[in-house]
PDB file of N, CA and C in Angstrom:
ATOM      1  N   MET A   1    -111.292 -17.356  86.921  1.00  0.00           N
ATOM      2  CA  MET A   1    -110.274 -17.207  85.900  1.00  0.00           C
ATOM      3  C   MET A   1    -108.950 -17.827  86.311  1.00  0.00           C
ATOM      4  N   GLU A   2    -108.841 -18.226  87.523  1.00  0.00           N
ATOM      5  CA  GLU A   2    -107.574 -18.761  88.000  1.00  0.00           C
ATOM      6  C   GLU A   2    -107.268 -20.136  87.387  1.00  0.00           C
ATOM      7  N   PHE A   3    -108.238 -20.828  86.889  1.00  0.00           N
ATOM      8  CA  PHE A   3    -107.997 -22.140  86.296  1.00  0.00           C
ATOM      9  C   PHE A   3    -107.305 -22.022  84.930  1.00  0.00           C
ATOM     10  N   PHE A   4    -107.315 -20.823  84.293  1.00  0.00           N
ATOM     11  CA  PHE A   4    -106.577 -20.617  83.053  1.00  0.00           C
ATOM     12  C   PHE A   4    -105.088 -20.371  83.300  1.00  0.00           C
ATOM     13  N   ILE A   5    -104.760 -19.869  84.437  1.00  0.00           N
ATOM     14  CA  ILE A   5    -103.386 -19.537  84.756  1.00  0.00           C
ATOM     15  C   ILE A   5    -102.880 -20.544  85.767  1.00  0.00           C
ATOM     16  N   SER A   6    -101.885 -21.316  85.367  1.00  0.00           N
ATOM     17  CA  SER A   6    -101.343 -22.294  86.306  1.00  0.00           C
ATOM     18  C   SER A   6    -100.432 -21.586  87.292  1.00  0.00           C
ATOM     19  N   SER A   7    -100.465 -22.048  88.494  1.00  0.00           N
ATOM     20  CA  SER A   7     -99.635 -21.453  89.530  1.00  0.00           C
ATOM     21  C   SER A   7     -98.190 -21.889  89.315  1.00  0.00           C
ATOM     22  N   ALA A   8     -97.283 -20.951  89.379  1.00  0.00           N
ATOM     23  CA  ALA A   8     -95.871 -21.246  89.186  1.00  0.00           C
ATOM     24  C   ALA A   8     -95.241 -21.425  90.548  1.00  0.00           C
ATOM     25  N   PHE A   9     -94.546 -22.510  90.659  1.00  0.00           N
ATOM     26  CA  PHE A   9     -93.850 -22.771  91.905  1.00  0.00           C
ATOM     27  C   PHE A   9     -92.359 -22.764  91.604  1.00  0.00           C
ATOM     28  N   ALA A  10     -91.627 -22.025  92.367  1.00  0.00           N
ATOM     29  CA  ALA A  10     -90.178 -21.924  92.168  1.00  0.00           C
ATOM     30  C   ALA A  10     -89.518 -23.181  92.692  1.00  0.00           C
ATOM     31  N   GLN A  11     -88.625 -23.717  91.870  1.00  0.00           N
ATOM     32  CA  GLN A  11     -87.883 -24.887  92.312  1.00  0.00           C
ATOM     33  C   GLN A  11     -86.700 -24.434  93.132  1.00  0.00           C
ATOM     34  N   GLN A  12     -86.433 -25.196  94.123  1.00  0.00           N
ATOM     35  CA  GLN A  12     -85.289 -24.847  94.943  1.00  0.00           C
ATOM     36  C   GLN A  12     -84.057 -25.507  94.349  1.00  0.00           C
ATOM     37  N   GLY A  13     -83.005 -24.723  94.187  1.00  0.00           N
ATOM     38  CA  GLY A  13     -81.766 -25.236  93.611  1.00  0.00           C
ATOM     39  C   GLY A  13     -81.035 -26.118  94.593  1.00  0.00           C
ATOM     40  N   GLY A  14     -80.448 -27.200  94.057  1.00  0.00           N
ATOM     41  CA  GLY A  14     -79.703 -28.109  94.904  1.00  0.00           C
ATOM     42  C   GLY A  14     -78.241 -27.713  94.953  1.00  0.00           C
ATOM     43  N   GLU A  15     -77.474 -28.519  95.619  1.00  0.00           N
ATOM     44  CA  GLU A  15     -76.037 -28.273  95.738  1.00  0.00           C
ATOM     45  C   GLU A  15     -75.364 -28.486  94.383  1.00  0.00           C
ATOM     46  N   GLY A  16     -74.398 -27.664  94.036  1.00  0.00           N
ATOM     47  CA  GLY A  16     -73.588 -27.863  92.834  1.00  0.00           C
ATOM     48  C   GLY A  16     -74.198 -27.345  91.546  1.00  0.00           C
ATOM     49  N   THR A  17     -75.295 -26.677  91.586  1.00  0.00           N
ATOM     50  CA  THR A  17     -75.874 -26.179  90.332  1.00  0.00           C
ATOM     51  C   THR A  17     -75.056 -25.048  89.750  1.00  0.00           C
ATOM     52  N   GLY A  18     -74.208 -24.396  90.525  1.00  0.00           N
ATOM     53  CA  GLY A  18     -73.393 -23.293  90.032  1.00  0.00           C
ATOM     54  C   GLY A  18     -72.351 -23.752  89.015  1.00  0.00           C
ATOM     55  N   TRP A  19     -71.566 -24.763  89.342  1.00  0.00           N
ATOM     56  CA  TRP A  19     -70.500 -25.194  88.412  1.00  0.00           C
ATOM     57  C   TRP A  19     -71.044 -26.096  87.321  1.00  0.00           C
ATOM     58  N   THR A  20     -72.117 -26.831  87.570  1.00  0.00           N
ATOM     59  CA  THR A  20     -72.693 -27.673  86.517  1.00  0.00           C
ATOM     60  C   THR A  20     -73.372 -26.823  85.457  1.00  0.00           C
ATOM     61  N   ALA A  21     -73.870 -25.661  85.855  1.00  0.00           N
ATOM     62  CA  ALA A  21     -74.471 -24.756  84.873  1.00  0.00           C
ATOM     63  C   ALA A  21     -73.402 -24.191  83.935  1.00  0.00           C
ATOM     64  N   LEU A  22     -72.181 -24.070  84.407  1.00  0.00           N
ATOM     65  CA  LEU A  22     -71.079 -23.594  83.571  1.00  0.00           C
ATOM     66  C   LEU A  22     -70.433 -24.713  82.764  1.00  0.00           C
ATOM     67  N   LEU A  23     -70.629 -25.936  83.181  1.00  0.00           N
ATOM     68  CA  LEU A  23     -69.992 -27.074  82.501  1.00  0.00           C
ATOM     69  C   LEU A  23     -70.505 -27.236  81.069  1.00  0.00           C
ATOM     70  N   PHE A  24     -71.801 -27.108  80.857  1.00  0.00           N
ATOM     71  CA  PHE A  24     -72.370 -27.288  79.520  1.00  0.00           C
ATOM     72  C   PHE A  24     -71.806 -26.289  78.499  1.00  0.00           C
ATOM     73  N   PRO A  25     -71.766 -24.988  78.787  1.00  0.00           N
ATOM     74  CA  PRO A  25     -71.187 -24.056  77.795  1.00  0.00           C
ATOM     75  C   PRO A  25     -69.702 -24.321  77.533  1.00  0.00           C
ATOM     76  N   ILE A  26     -68.982 -24.732  78.569  1.00  0.00           N
ATOM     77  CA  ILE A  26     -67.553 -25.014  78.379  1.00  0.00           C
ATOM     78  C   ILE A  26     -67.367 -26.221  77.474  1.00  0.00           C
ATOM     79  N   VAL A  27     -68.143 -27.264  77.693  1.00  0.00           N
ATOM     80  CA  VAL A  27     -68.075 -28.457  76.832  1.00  0.00           C
ATOM     81  C   VAL A  27     -68.491 -28.099  75.408  1.00  0.00           C
ATOM     82  N   LEU A  28     -69.501 -27.272  75.261  1.00  0.00           N
ATOM     83  CA  LEU A  28     -69.962 -26.854  73.936  1.00  0.00           C
ATOM     84  C   LEU A  28     -68.880 -26.073  73.194  1.00  0.00           C
ATOM     85  N   ILE A  29     -68.197 -25.183  73.874  1.00  0.00           N
ATOM     86  CA  ILE A  29     -67.105 -24.423  73.266  1.00  0.00           C
ATOM     87  C   ILE A  29     -65.965 -25.344  72.864  1.00  0.00           C
ATOM     88  N   ALA A  30     -65.653 -26.330  73.708  1.00  0.00           N
ATOM     89  CA  ALA A  30     -64.587 -27.288  73.376  1.00  0.00           C
ATOM     90  C   ALA A  30     -64.951 -28.100  72.144  1.00  0.00           C
ATOM     91  N   ILE A  31     -66.205 -28.517  72.038  1.00  0.00           N
ATOM     92  CA  ILE A  31     -66.639 -29.280  70.851  1.00  0.00           C
ATOM     93  C   ILE A  31     -66.533 -28.418  69.603  1.00  0.00           C
ATOM     94  N   PHE A  32     -66.983 -27.174  69.671  1.00  0.00           N
ATOM     95  CA  PHE A  32     -66.876 -26.277  68.518  1.00  0.00           C
ATOM     96  C   PHE A  32     -65.416 -26.079  68.116  1.00  0.00           C
ATOM     97  N   TYR A  33     -64.548 -25.941  69.110  1.00  0.00           N
ATOM     98  CA  TYR A  33     -63.128 -25.733  68.807  1.00  0.00           C
ATOM     99  C   TYR A  33     -62.548 -26.925  68.063  1.00  0.00           C
ATOM    100  N   PHE A  34     -62.751 -28.131  68.568  1.00  0.00           N
ATOM    101  CA  PHE A  34     -62.141 -29.306  67.968  1.00  0.00           C
ATOM    102  C   PHE A  34     -62.810 -29.764  66.674  1.00  0.00           C
ATOM    103  N   LEU A  35     -64.088 -29.465  66.502  1.00  0.00           N
ATOM    104  CA  LEU A  35     -64.782 -29.908  65.282  1.00  0.00           C
ATOM    105  C   LEU A  35     -64.865 -28.845  64.194  1.00  0.00           C
ATOM    106  N   LEU A  36     -64.786 -27.566  64.545  1.00  0.00           N
ATOM    107  CA  LEU A  36     -64.944 -26.519  63.541  1.00  0.00           C
ATOM    108  C   LEU A  36     -63.730 -25.610  63.407  1.00  0.00           C
ATOM    109  N   ILE A  37     -63.305 -25.020  64.487  1.00  0.00           N
ATOM    110  CA  ILE A  37     -62.279 -23.981  64.415  1.00  0.00           C
ATOM    111  C   ILE A  37     -60.908 -24.562  64.096  1.00  0.00           C
ATOM    112  N   ARG A  38     -60.494 -25.588  64.805  1.00  0.00           N
ATOM    113  CA  ARG A  38     -59.159 -26.155  64.608  1.00  0.00           C
ATOM    114  C   ARG A  38     -58.963 -26.738  63.203  1.00  0.00           C
ATOM    115  N   PRO A  39     -59.886 -27.552  62.672  1.00  0.00           N
ATOM    116  CA  PRO A  39     -59.691 -28.054  61.304  1.00  0.00           C
ATOM    117  C   PRO A  39     -59.673 -26.949  60.251  1.00  0.00           C
ATOM    118  N   GLN A  40     -60.486 -25.910  60.428  1.00  0.00           N
ATOM    119  CA  GLN A  40     -60.496 -24.800  59.474  1.00  0.00           C
ATOM    120  C   GLN A  40     -59.167 -24.060  59.493  1.00  0.00           C
ATOM    121  N   ALA A  41     -58.605 -23.850  60.674  1.00  0.00           N
ATOM    122  CA  ALA A  41     -57.313 -23.176  60.779  1.00  0.00           C
ATOM    123  C   ALA A  41     -56.210 -24.022  60.146  1.00  0.00           C
ATOM    124  N   LYS A  42     -56.302 -25.329  60.305  1.00  0.00           N
ATOM    125  CA  LYS A  42     -55.313 -26.236  59.708  1.00  0.00           C
ATOM    126  C   LYS A  42     -55.388 -26.173  58.185  1.00  0.00           C
ATOM    127  N   ARG A  43     -56.607 -26.196  57.626  1.00  0.00           N
ATOM    128  CA  ARG A  43     -56.779 -26.104  56.171  1.00  0.00           C
ATOM    129  C   ARG A  43     -56.260 -24.766  55.633  1.00  0.00           C
ATOM    130  N   ALA A  44     -56.515 -23.685  56.365  1.00  0.00           N
ATOM    131  CA  ALA A  44     -56.036 -22.370  55.943  1.00  0.00           C
ATOM    132  C   ALA A  44     -54.513 -22.324  55.933  1.00  0.00           C
ATOM    133  N   LYS A  45     -53.892 -22.931  56.921  1.00  0.00           N
ATOM    134  CA  LYS A  45     -52.430 -22.967  56.989  1.00  0.00           C
ATOM    135  C   LYS A  45     -51.847 -23.782  55.838  1.00  0.00           C
ATOM    136  N   GLU A  46     -52.460 -24.927  55.512  1.00  0.00           N
ATOM    137  CA  GLU A  46     -52.001 -25.748  54.390  1.00  0.00           C
ATOM    138  C   GLU A  46     -52.173 -25.015  53.061  1.00  0.00           C
ATOM    139  N   HIS A  47     -53.287 -24.283  52.893  1.00  0.00           N
ATOM    140  CA  HIS A  47     -53.525 -23.546  51.651  1.00  0.00           C
ATOM    141  C   HIS A  47     -52.512 -22.411  51.495  1.00  0.00           C
ATOM    142  N   LYS A  48     -52.196 -21.737  52.587  1.00  0.00           N
ATOM    143  CA  LYS A  48     -51.203 -20.665  52.544  1.00  0.00           C
ATOM    144  C   LYS A  48     -49.835 -21.220  52.139  1.00  0.00           C
ATOM    145  N   LYS A  49     -49.490 -22.397  52.652  1.00  0.00           N
ATOM    146  CA  LYS A  49     -48.222 -23.038  52.285  1.00  0.00           C
ATOM    147  C   LYS A  49     -48.233 -23.416  50.807  1.00  0.00           C
ATOM    148  N   LEU A  50     -49.346 -23.965  50.327  1.00  0.00           N
ATOM    149  CA  LEU A  50     -49.475 -24.348  48.912  1.00  0.00           C
ATOM    150  C   LEU A  50     -49.296 -23.135  48.009  1.00  0.00           C
ATOM    151  N   ILE A  51     -49.918 -22.016  48.364  1.00  0.00           N
ATOM    152  CA  ILE A  51     -49.837 -20.794  47.565  1.00  0.00           C
ATOM    153  C   ILE A  51     -48.408 -20.250  47.529  1.00  0.00           C
ATOM    154  N   SER A  52     -47.718 -20.330  48.656  1.00  0.00           N
ATOM    155  CA  SER A  52     -46.355 -19.785  48.702  1.00  0.00           C
ATOM    156  C   SER A  52     -45.359 -20.640  47.918  1.00  0.00           C
ATOM    157  N   GLU A  53     -45.672 -21.932  47.700  1.00  0.00           N
ATOM    158  CA  GLU A  53     -44.752 -22.826  47.011  1.00  0.00           C
ATOM    159  C   GLU A  53     -45.039 -22.966  45.512  1.00  0.00           C
ATOM    160  N   LEU A  54     -45.969 -22.181  44.966  1.00  0.00           N
ATOM    161  CA  LEU A  54     -46.266 -22.276  43.535  1.00  0.00           C
ATOM    162  C   LEU A  54     -45.045 -21.880  42.725  1.00  0.00           C
ATOM    163  N   ASP A  55     -44.797 -22.625  41.636  1.00  0.00           N
ATOM    164  CA  ASP A  55     -43.628 -22.378  40.814  1.00  0.00           C
ATOM    165  C   ASP A  55     -43.992 -22.565  39.343  1.00  0.00           C
ATOM    166  N   LYS A  56     -43.196 -21.991  38.484  1.00  0.00           N
ATOM    167  CA  LYS A  56     -43.405 -22.106  37.042  1.00  0.00           C
ATOM    168  C   LYS A  56     -43.331 -23.579  36.651  1.00  0.00           C
ATOM    169  N   GLY A  57     -44.301 -24.021  35.843  1.00  0.00           N
ATOM    170  CA  GLY A  57     -44.335 -25.404  35.375  1.00  0.00           C
ATOM    171  C   GLY A  57     -45.273 -26.294  36.186  1.00  0.00           C
ATOM    172  N   ASP A  58     -45.741 -25.824  37.343  1.00  0.00           N
ATOM    173  CA  ASP A  58     -46.691 -26.608  38.135  1.00  0.00           C
ATOM    174  C   ASP A  58     -48.036 -26.645  37.419  1.00  0.00           C
ATOM    175  N   GLU A  59     -48.707 -27.781  37.513  1.00  0.00           N
ATOM    176  CA  GLU A  59     -50.056 -27.898  36.972  1.00  0.00           C
ATOM    177  C   GLU A  59     -51.015 -27.746  38.134  1.00  0.00           C
ATOM    178  N   VAL A  60     -51.975 -26.826  37.976  1.00  0.00           N
ATOM    179  CA  VAL A  60     -52.873 -26.476  39.075  1.00  0.00           C
ATOM    180  C   VAL A  60     -54.323 -26.474  38.621  1.00  0.00           C
ATOM    181  N   VAL A  61     -55.214 -26.579  39.605  1.00  0.00           N
ATOM    182  CA  VAL A  61     -56.653 -26.425  39.393  1.00  0.00           C
ATOM    183  C   VAL A  61     -57.090 -25.242  40.232  1.00  0.00           C
ATOM    184  N   THR A  62     -57.842 -24.323  39.627  1.00  0.00           N
ATOM    185  CA  THR A  62     -58.327 -23.165  40.367  1.00  0.00           C
ATOM    186  C   THR A  62     -59.641 -23.516  41.064  1.00  0.00           C
ATOM    187  N   GLN A  63     -60.096 -22.629  41.919  1.00  0.00           N
ATOM    188  CA  GLN A  63     -61.361 -22.852  42.607  1.00  0.00           C
ATOM    189  C   GLN A  63     -62.527 -22.830  41.637  1.00  0.00           C
ATOM    190  N   GLY A  64     -62.345 -22.195  40.501  1.00  0.00           N
ATOM    191  CA  GLY A  64     -63.382 -22.166  39.470  1.00  0.00           C
ATOM    192  C   GLY A  64     -63.372 -23.398  38.590  1.00  0.00           C
ATOM    193  N   GLY A  65     -62.361 -24.258  38.741  1.00  0.00           N
ATOM    194  CA  GLY A  65     -62.304 -25.498  37.980  1.00  0.00           C
ATOM    195  C   GLY A  65     -61.384 -25.471  36.776  1.00  0.00           C
ATOM    196  N   LEU A  66     -60.651 -24.374  36.546  1.00  0.00           N
ATOM    197  CA  LEU A  66     -59.724 -24.318  35.418  1.00  0.00           C
ATOM    198  C   LEU A  66     -58.481 -25.146  35.709  1.00  0.00           C
ATOM    199  N   LEU A  67     -58.072 -25.958  34.744  1.00  0.00           N
ATOM    200  CA  LEU A  67     -56.845 -26.733  34.843  1.00  0.00           C
ATOM    201  C   LEU A  67     -55.828 -26.094  33.922  1.00  0.00           C
ATOM    202  N   GLY A  68     -54.633 -25.838  34.432  1.00  0.00           N
ATOM    203  CA  GLY A  68     -53.621 -25.208  33.596  1.00  0.00           C
ATOM    204  C   GLY A  68     -52.234 -25.369  34.159  1.00  0.00           C
ATOM    205  N   ARG A  69     -51.259 -24.976  33.348  1.00  0.00           N
ATOM    206  CA  ARG A  69     -49.849 -25.030  33.733  1.00  0.00           C
ATOM    207  C   ARG A  69     -49.361 -23.611  33.961  1.00  0.00           C
ATOM    208  N   ILE A  70     -48.694 -23.379  35.062  1.00  0.00           N
ATOM    209  CA  ILE A  70     -48.217 -22.042  35.411  1.00  0.00           C
ATOM    210  C   ILE A  70     -47.066 -21.663  34.491  1.00  0.00           C
ATOM    211  N   THR A  71     -47.197 -20.479  33.857  1.00  0.00           N
ATOM    212  CA  THR A  71     -46.128 -19.996  32.982  1.00  0.00           C
ATOM    213  C   THR A  71     -45.396 -18.803  33.582  1.00  0.00           C
ATOM    214  N   GLU A  72     -46.055 -18.104  34.508  1.00  0.00           N
ATOM    215  CA  GLU A  72     -45.435 -16.930  35.130  1.00  0.00           C
ATOM    216  C   GLU A  72     -45.997 -16.759  36.537  1.00  0.00           C
ATOM    217  N   VAL A  73     -45.107 -16.480  37.477  1.00  0.00           N
ATOM    218  CA  VAL A  73     -45.507 -16.293  38.869  1.00  0.00           C
ATOM    219  C   VAL A  73     -45.147 -14.881  39.295  1.00  0.00           C
ATOM    220  N   GLU A  74     -46.153 -14.139  39.749  1.00  0.00           N
ATOM    221  CA  GLU A  74     -45.939 -12.788  40.271  1.00  0.00           C
ATOM    222  C   GLU A  74     -46.287 -12.782  41.750  1.00  0.00           C
ATOM    223  N   GLU A  75     -46.221 -11.603  42.359  1.00  0.00           N
ATOM    224  CA  GLU A  75     -46.459 -11.511  43.797  1.00  0.00           C
ATOM    225  C   GLU A  75     -47.867 -11.945  44.190  1.00  0.00           C
ATOM    226  N   SER A  76     -48.885 -11.452  43.497  1.00  0.00           N
ATOM    227  CA  SER A  76     -50.247 -11.812  43.872  1.00  0.00           C
ATOM    228  C   SER A  76     -51.042 -12.456  42.728  1.00  0.00           C
ATOM    229  N   PHE A  77     -50.428 -12.615  41.566  1.00  0.00           N
ATOM    230  CA  PHE A  77     -51.094 -13.226  40.413  1.00  0.00           C
ATOM    231  C   PHE A  77     -50.200 -14.295  39.797  1.00  0.00           C
ATOM    232  N   ILE A  78     -50.825 -15.242  39.135  1.00  0.00           N
ATOM    233  CA  ILE A  78     -50.085 -16.204  38.309  1.00  0.00           C
ATOM    234  C   ILE A  78     -50.706 -16.182  36.922  1.00  0.00           C
ATOM    235  N   THR A  79     -49.882 -16.474  35.930  1.00  0.00           N
ATOM    236  CA  THR A  79     -50.379 -16.644  34.577  1.00  0.00           C
ATOM    237  C   THR A  79     -50.290 -18.124  34.283  1.00  0.00           C
ATOM    238  N   MET A  80     -51.397 -18.691  33.830  1.00  0.00           N
ATOM    239  CA  MET A  80     -51.388 -20.111  33.526  1.00  0.00           C
ATOM    240  C   MET A  80     -51.916 -20.368  32.133  1.00  0.00           C
ATOM    241  N   GLU A  81     -51.310 -21.347  31.495  1.00  0.00           N
ATOM    242  CA  GLU A  81     -51.702 -21.720  30.141  1.00  0.00           C
ATOM    243  C   GLU A  81     -52.720 -22.842  30.258  1.00  0.00           C
ATOM    244  N   ILE A  82     -53.918 -22.602  29.709  1.00  0.00           N
ATOM    245  CA  ILE A  82     -54.968 -23.606  29.820  1.00  0.00           C
ATOM    246  C   ILE A  82     -55.018 -24.538  28.617  1.00  0.00           C
ATOM    247  N   ASN A  83     -54.504 -24.085  27.487  1.00  0.00           N
ATOM    248  CA  ASN A  83     -54.267 -24.944  26.316  1.00  0.00           C
ATOM    249  C   ASN A  83     -53.280 -24.212  25.419  1.00  0.00           C
ATOM    250  N   ASP A  84     -52.965 -24.754  24.262  1.00  0.00           N
ATOM    251  CA  ASP A  84     -51.946 -24.158  23.393  1.00  0.00           C
ATOM    252  C   ASP A  84     -52.292 -22.714  23.052  1.00  0.00           C
ATOM    253  N   GLY A  85     -51.485 -21.796  23.545  1.00  0.00           N
ATOM    254  CA  GLY A  85     -51.619 -20.387  23.210  1.00  0.00           C
ATOM    255  C   GLY A  85     -52.624 -19.595  24.019  1.00  0.00           C
ATOM    256  N   ASN A  86     -53.454 -20.234  24.823  1.00  0.00           N
ATOM    257  CA  ASN A  86     -54.435 -19.509  25.625  1.00  0.00           C
ATOM    258  C   ASN A  86     -53.962 -19.426  27.074  1.00  0.00           C
ATOM    259  N   GLN A  87     -53.759 -18.202  27.511  1.00  0.00           N
ATOM    260  CA  GLN A  87     -53.286 -17.989  28.867  1.00  0.00           C
ATOM    261  C   GLN A  87     -54.271 -17.129  29.631  1.00  0.00           C
ATOM    262  N   VAL A  88     -54.401 -17.397  30.904  1.00  0.00           N
ATOM    263  CA  VAL A  88     -55.243 -16.599  31.774  1.00  0.00           C
ATOM    264  C   VAL A  88     -54.431 -16.172  32.988  1.00  0.00           C
ATOM    265  N   LYS A  89     -54.784 -15.019  33.514  1.00  0.00           N
ATOM    266  CA  LYS A  89     -54.120 -14.510  34.711  1.00  0.00           C
ATOM    267  C   LYS A  89     -55.118 -14.611  35.849  1.00  0.00           C
ATOM    268  N   VAL A  90     -54.739 -15.297  36.920  1.00  0.00           N
ATOM    269  CA  VAL A  90     -55.617 -15.468  38.073  1.00  0.00           C
ATOM    270  C   VAL A  90     -54.867 -15.106  39.354  1.00  0.00           C
ATOM    271  N   GLN A  91     -55.613 -14.818  40.387  1.00  0.00           N
ATOM    272  CA  GLN A  91     -54.989 -14.549  41.676  1.00  0.00           C
ATOM    273  C   GLN A  91     -54.402 -15.845  42.229  1.00  0.00           C
ATOM    274  N   ARG A  92     -53.316 -15.705  42.964  1.00  0.00           N
ATOM    275  CA  ARG A  92     -52.688 -16.886  43.562  1.00  0.00           C
ATOM    276  C   ARG A  92     -53.640 -17.588  44.514  1.00  0.00           C
ATOM    277  N   ASN A  93     -54.454 -16.811  45.227  1.00  0.00           N
ATOM    278  CA  ASN A  93     -55.382 -17.413  46.182  1.00  0.00           C
ATOM    279  C   ASN A  93     -56.466 -18.251  45.521  1.00  0.00           C
ATOM    280  N   ALA A  94     -56.660 -18.091  44.209  1.00  0.00           N
ATOM    281  CA  ALA A  94     -57.677 -18.852  43.501  1.00  0.00           C
ATOM    282  C   ALA A  94     -57.244 -20.279  43.217  1.00  0.00           C
ATOM    283  N   VAL A  95     -55.991 -20.604  43.454  1.00  0.00           N
ATOM    284  CA  VAL A  95     -55.514 -21.960  43.207  1.00  0.00           C
ATOM    285  C   VAL A  95     -56.032 -22.863  44.317  1.00  0.00           C
ATOM    286  N   ALA A  96     -56.735 -23.931  43.915  1.00  0.00           N
ATOM    287  CA  ALA A  96     -57.302 -24.855  44.892  1.00  0.00           C
ATOM    288  C   ALA A  96     -56.344 -25.995  45.195  1.00  0.00           C
ATOM    289  N   GLN A  97     -55.657 -26.490  44.156  1.00  0.00           N
ATOM    290  CA  GLN A  97     -54.740 -27.600  44.389  1.00  0.00           C
ATOM    291  C   GLN A  97     -53.729 -27.706  43.269  1.00  0.00           C
ATOM    292  N   VAL A  98     -52.601 -28.321  43.595  1.00  0.00           N
ATOM    293  CA  VAL A  98     -51.585 -28.630  42.605  1.00  0.00           C
ATOM    294  C   VAL A  98     -51.780 -30.094  42.242  1.00  0.00           C
ATOM    295  N   VAL A  99     -51.888 -30.372  40.946  1.00  0.00           N
ATOM    296  CA  VAL A  99     -52.093 -31.747  40.484  1.00  0.00           C
ATOM    297  C   VAL A  99     -50.768 -32.324  39.992  1.00  0.00           C
ATOM    298  N   PRO A 100     -50.650 -33.640  39.914  1.00  0.00           N
ATOM    299  CA  PRO A 100     -49.404 -34.248  39.451  1.00  0.00           C
ATOM    300  C   PRO A 100     -49.081 -33.834  38.013  1.00  0.00           C
ATOM    301  N   LYS A 101     -47.781 -33.728  37.731  1.00  0.00           N
ATOM    302  CA  LYS A 101     -47.360 -33.366  36.365  1.00  0.00           C
ATOM    303  C   LYS A 101     -47.851 -34.436  35.401  1.00  0.00           C
ATOM    304  N   GLY A 102     -48.288 -33.997  34.246  1.00  0.00           N
ATOM    305  CA  GLY A 102     -48.803 -34.913  33.239  1.00  0.00           C
ATOM    306  C   GLY A 102     -50.307 -35.051  33.282  1.00  0.00           C
ATOM    307  N   THR A 103     -50.952 -34.388  34.212  1.00  0.00           N
ATOM    308  CA  THR A 103     -52.410 -34.436  34.291  1.00  0.00           C
ATOM    309  C   THR A 103     -53.027 -33.730  33.090  1.00  0.00           C
ATOM    310  N   MET A 104     -52.410 -32.628  32.684  1.00  0.00           N
ATOM    311  CA  MET A 104     -52.883 -31.910  31.496  1.00  0.00           C
ATOM    312  C   MET A 104     -52.491 -32.686  30.259  1.00  0.00           C
ATOM    313  N   LYS A 105     -53.443 -32.950  29.423  1.00  0.00           N
ATOM    314  CA  LYS A 105     -53.160 -33.628  28.163  1.00  0.00           C
ATOM    315  C   LYS A 105     -52.770 -32.576  27.132  1.00  0.00           C
ATOM    316  N   GLY A 106     -51.986 -32.983  26.174  1.00  0.00           N
ATOM    317  CA  GLY A 106     -51.608 -32.044  25.123  1.00  0.00           C
ATOM    318  C   GLY A 106     -50.151 -31.700  25.187  1.00  0.00           C
ATOM    319  N   LYS A 107     -49.870 -30.415  25.076  1.00  0.00           N
ATOM    320  CA  LYS A 107     -48.514 -29.913  25.012  1.00  0.00           C
ATOM    321  C   LYS A 107     -47.725 -30.295  26.259  1.00  0.00           C
ATOM    322  N   ALA A 108     -46.540 -30.836  26.063  1.00  0.00           N
ATOM    323  CA  ALA A 108     -45.697 -31.256  27.167  1.00  0.00           C
ATOM    324  C   ALA A 108     -45.040 -30.062  27.834  1.00  0.00           C
ATOM    325  N   ASP A 109     -44.664 -30.245  29.074  1.00  0.00           N
ATOM    326  CA  ASP A 109     -43.948 -29.221  29.821  1.00  0.00           C
ATOM    327  C   ASP A 109     -42.560 -29.034  29.184  1.00  0.00           C
ATOM    328  N   PRO A 110     -42.158 -27.804  28.884  1.00  0.00           N
ATOM    329  CA  PRO A 110     -40.851 -27.577  28.262  1.00  0.00           C
ATOM    330  C   PRO A 110     -39.689 -28.143  29.089  1.00  0.00           C
ATOM    331  N   ALA A 111     -39.786 -28.098  30.401  1.00  0.00           N
ATOM    332  CA  ALA A 111     -38.721 -28.635  31.247  1.00  0.00           C
ATOM    333  C   ALA A 111     -38.650 -30.147  31.114  1.00  0.00           C
ATOM    334  N   GLU A 112     -39.794 -30.820  30.997  1.00  0.00           N
ATOM    335  CA  GLU A 112     -39.809 -32.267  30.843  1.00  0.00           C
ATOM    336  C   GLU A 112     -39.289 -32.661  29.462  1.00  0.00           C
ATOM    337  N   THR A 113     -39.564 -31.851  28.452  1.00  0.00           N
ATOM    338  CA  THR A 113     -39.106 -32.144  27.089  1.00  0.00           C
ATOM    339  C   THR A 113     -37.589 -32.159  27.029  1.00  0.00           C
ATOM    340  N   LYS A 114     -36.954 -31.236  27.710  1.00  0.00           N
ATOM    341  CA  LYS A 114     -35.490 -31.177  27.743  1.00  0.00           C
ATOM    342  C   LYS A 114     -34.900 -32.399  28.424  1.00  0.00           C
ATOM    343  N   LYS A 115     -35.547 -32.888  29.471  1.00  0.00           N
ATOM    344  CA  LYS A 115     -35.057 -34.041  30.214  1.00  0.00           C
ATOM    345  C   LYS A 115     -35.166 -35.319  29.410  1.00  0.00           C
ATOM    346  N   THR A 116     -36.308 -35.522  28.751  1.00  0.00           N
ATOM    347  CA  THR A 116     -36.550 -36.774  28.041  1.00  0.00           C
ATOM    348  C   THR A 116     -36.060 -36.736  26.600  1.00  0.00           C
ATOM    349  N   GLY A 117     -35.886 -35.560  26.034  1.00  0.00           N
ATOM    350  CA  GLY A 117     -35.408 -35.422  24.662  1.00  0.00           C
ATOM    351  C   GLY A 117     -36.484 -35.633  23.626  1.00  0.00           C
ATOM    352  N   LYS A 118     -37.735 -35.653  24.006  1.00  0.00           N
ATOM    353  CA  LYS A 118     -38.845 -35.863  23.052  1.00  0.00           C
ATOM    354  C   LYS A 118     -39.355 -34.557  22.516  1.00  0.00           C
TER     355      LYS A 118
END
């Protein structure tokens, strides 16, 4: 029955296997940090800045895909007009991006109307 079980021979460790065995996990952690953790933290910081700078009249897109103009800003919610007379209230954190003014077609921004006189 010994031919079914191969004999195991212990390998003798050479010089330097102690620090080289630690090198791989350290390099792996560094790669994870620079490719995953650091960019995610940077995006979170940029999103937090974007949320704090929201103002009435900004045109925004939510994470759900709604495009609208902000009509009211509260501490944790914003009210945005998605078309003439239809307003929705969403959490500030749901805003994905601020788009350039004029992206929304239709009713002009009241502040822009005063400036241009149209």
